[in-house]
Amino acid sequence: MKYFDEEIKVTIANVLAGIVTGYVSFLLNRPLVSLAVAVVAFICLSLLAKKAFSVKKEKKWWLSPVTTFFLAWIVSWTLFYNM
């Protein structure tokens, strides 16, 4: 059960970081720079998550955080852009 608690914490951290990065991308207003910022933010977040959370890493462990982060980033960036 503890494994799922850590997964939920990692997922919430990725979604929140994706939303913040989406807002920063909106403020930058340059698509390629925004993509670079998102990649750098994800790398920093993954390094922090390795130290903060004790998630057992499997072969495809990176797939879930990448998907949630970039989905939250692109959705929030699109929403901020269309406001």
Protein backbone atom coordinates (compact mmCIF):
# COMPACT_ATOMS: atom_id res chain seq x y z
CA MET A 1 0.00 0.00 0.00
CA LYS A 2 2.89 2.33 0.71
CA TYR A 3 4.04 1.94 -2.91
CA PHE A 4 0.79 3.47 -4.15
CA ASP A 5 1.05 6.33 -1.68
CA GLU A 6 4.44 7.26 -3.10
CA GLU A 7 3.14 6.95 -6.67
CA ILE A 8 0.28 9.32 -5.86
CA LYS A 9 2.70 11.85 -4.37
CA VAL A 10 4.91 11.68 -7.47
CA THR A 11 1.88 12.08 -9.73
CA ILE A 12 0.60 15.11 -7.81
CA ALA A 13 4.06 16.69 -7.87
CA ASN A 14 4.28 16.15 -11.63
CA VAL A 15 0.85 17.63 -12.30
CA LEU A 16 1.54 20.70 -10.15
CA ALA A 17 4.93 21.22 -11.76
CA GLY A 18 3.33 20.82 -15.19
CA ILE A 19 0.77 23.51 -14.40
CA VAL A 20 3.43 25.91 -13.11
CA THR A 21 5.61 25.22 -16.13
CA GLY A 22 2.60 25.79 -18.40
CA TYR A 23 2.10 29.22 -16.86
CA VAL A 24 5.79 30.04 -17.26
CA SER A 25 5.59 28.89 -20.88
CA PHE A 26 2.63 31.20 -21.40
CA LEU A 27 4.61 34.12 -19.99
CA LEU A 28 7.56 33.36 -22.28
CA ASN A 29 5.31 33.30 -25.38
CA ARG A 30 7.94 31.49 -27.50
CA PRO A 31 7.16 27.85 -28.37
CA LEU A 32 10.69 26.46 -28.68
CA VAL A 33 11.92 28.22 -25.56
CA SER A 34 8.82 27.01 -23.74
CA LEU A 35 9.53 23.43 -24.78
CA ALA A 36 13.11 23.75 -23.57
CA VAL A 37 11.88 25.14 -20.24
CA ALA A 38 9.46 22.21 -19.90
CA VAL A 39 12.20 19.65 -20.56
CA VAL A 40 14.57 21.32 -18.08
CA ALA A 41 11.79 21.56 -15.49
CA PHE A 42 10.98 17.88 -15.90
CA ILE A 43 14.62 16.86 -15.53
CA CYS A 44 14.95 18.95 -12.35
CA LEU A 45 11.69 17.52 -11.01
CA SER A 46 12.76 13.96 -11.69
CA LEU A 47 16.05 14.50 -9.88
CA LEU A 48 14.20 15.97 -6.91
CA ALA A 49 11.63 13.17 -6.95
CA LYS A 50 14.36 10.53 -6.78
CA LYS A 51 15.62 12.10 -3.56
CA ALA A 52 12.26 13.03 -2.03
CA PHE A 53 10.21 9.92 -2.79
CA SER A 54 11.21 6.31 -2.41
CA VAL A 55 9.48 4.82 -5.43
CA LYS A 56 10.59 1.43 -6.64
CA LYS A 57 11.71 1.98 -10.18
CA GLU A 58 10.75 -0.55 -12.78
CA LYS A 59 11.70 -0.60 -16.44
CA LYS A 60 8.92 1.75 -17.48
CA TRP A 61 8.72 3.86 -14.32
CA TRP A 62 9.59 7.02 -16.25
CA LEU A 63 6.55 6.67 -18.53
CA SER A 64 3.99 7.71 -15.93
CA PRO A 65 5.79 10.86 -14.70
CA VAL A 66 6.63 11.97 -18.24
CA THR A 67 3.04 11.51 -19.37
CA THR A 68 1.47 13.31 -16.43
CA PHE A 69 3.97 16.18 -16.49
CA PHE A 70 3.76 16.87 -20.21
CA LEU A 71 0.00 16.40 -20.35
CA ALA A 72 -0.49 18.87 -17.48
CA TRP A 73 2.01 21.24 -19.12
CA ILE A 74 0.42 21.25 -22.58
CA VAL A 75 -3.14 21.51 -21.23
CA SER A 76 -2.32 24.36 -18.84
CA TRP A 77 -0.25 26.18 -21.46
CA THR A 78 -3.13 25.93 -23.94
CA LEU A 79 -5.65 27.12 -21.37
CA PHE A 80 -3.51 30.09 -20.33
CA TYR A 81 -2.83 30.94 -23.97
CA ASN A 82 -6.54 31.01 -24.84
CA MET A 83 -7.59 33.19 -21.91
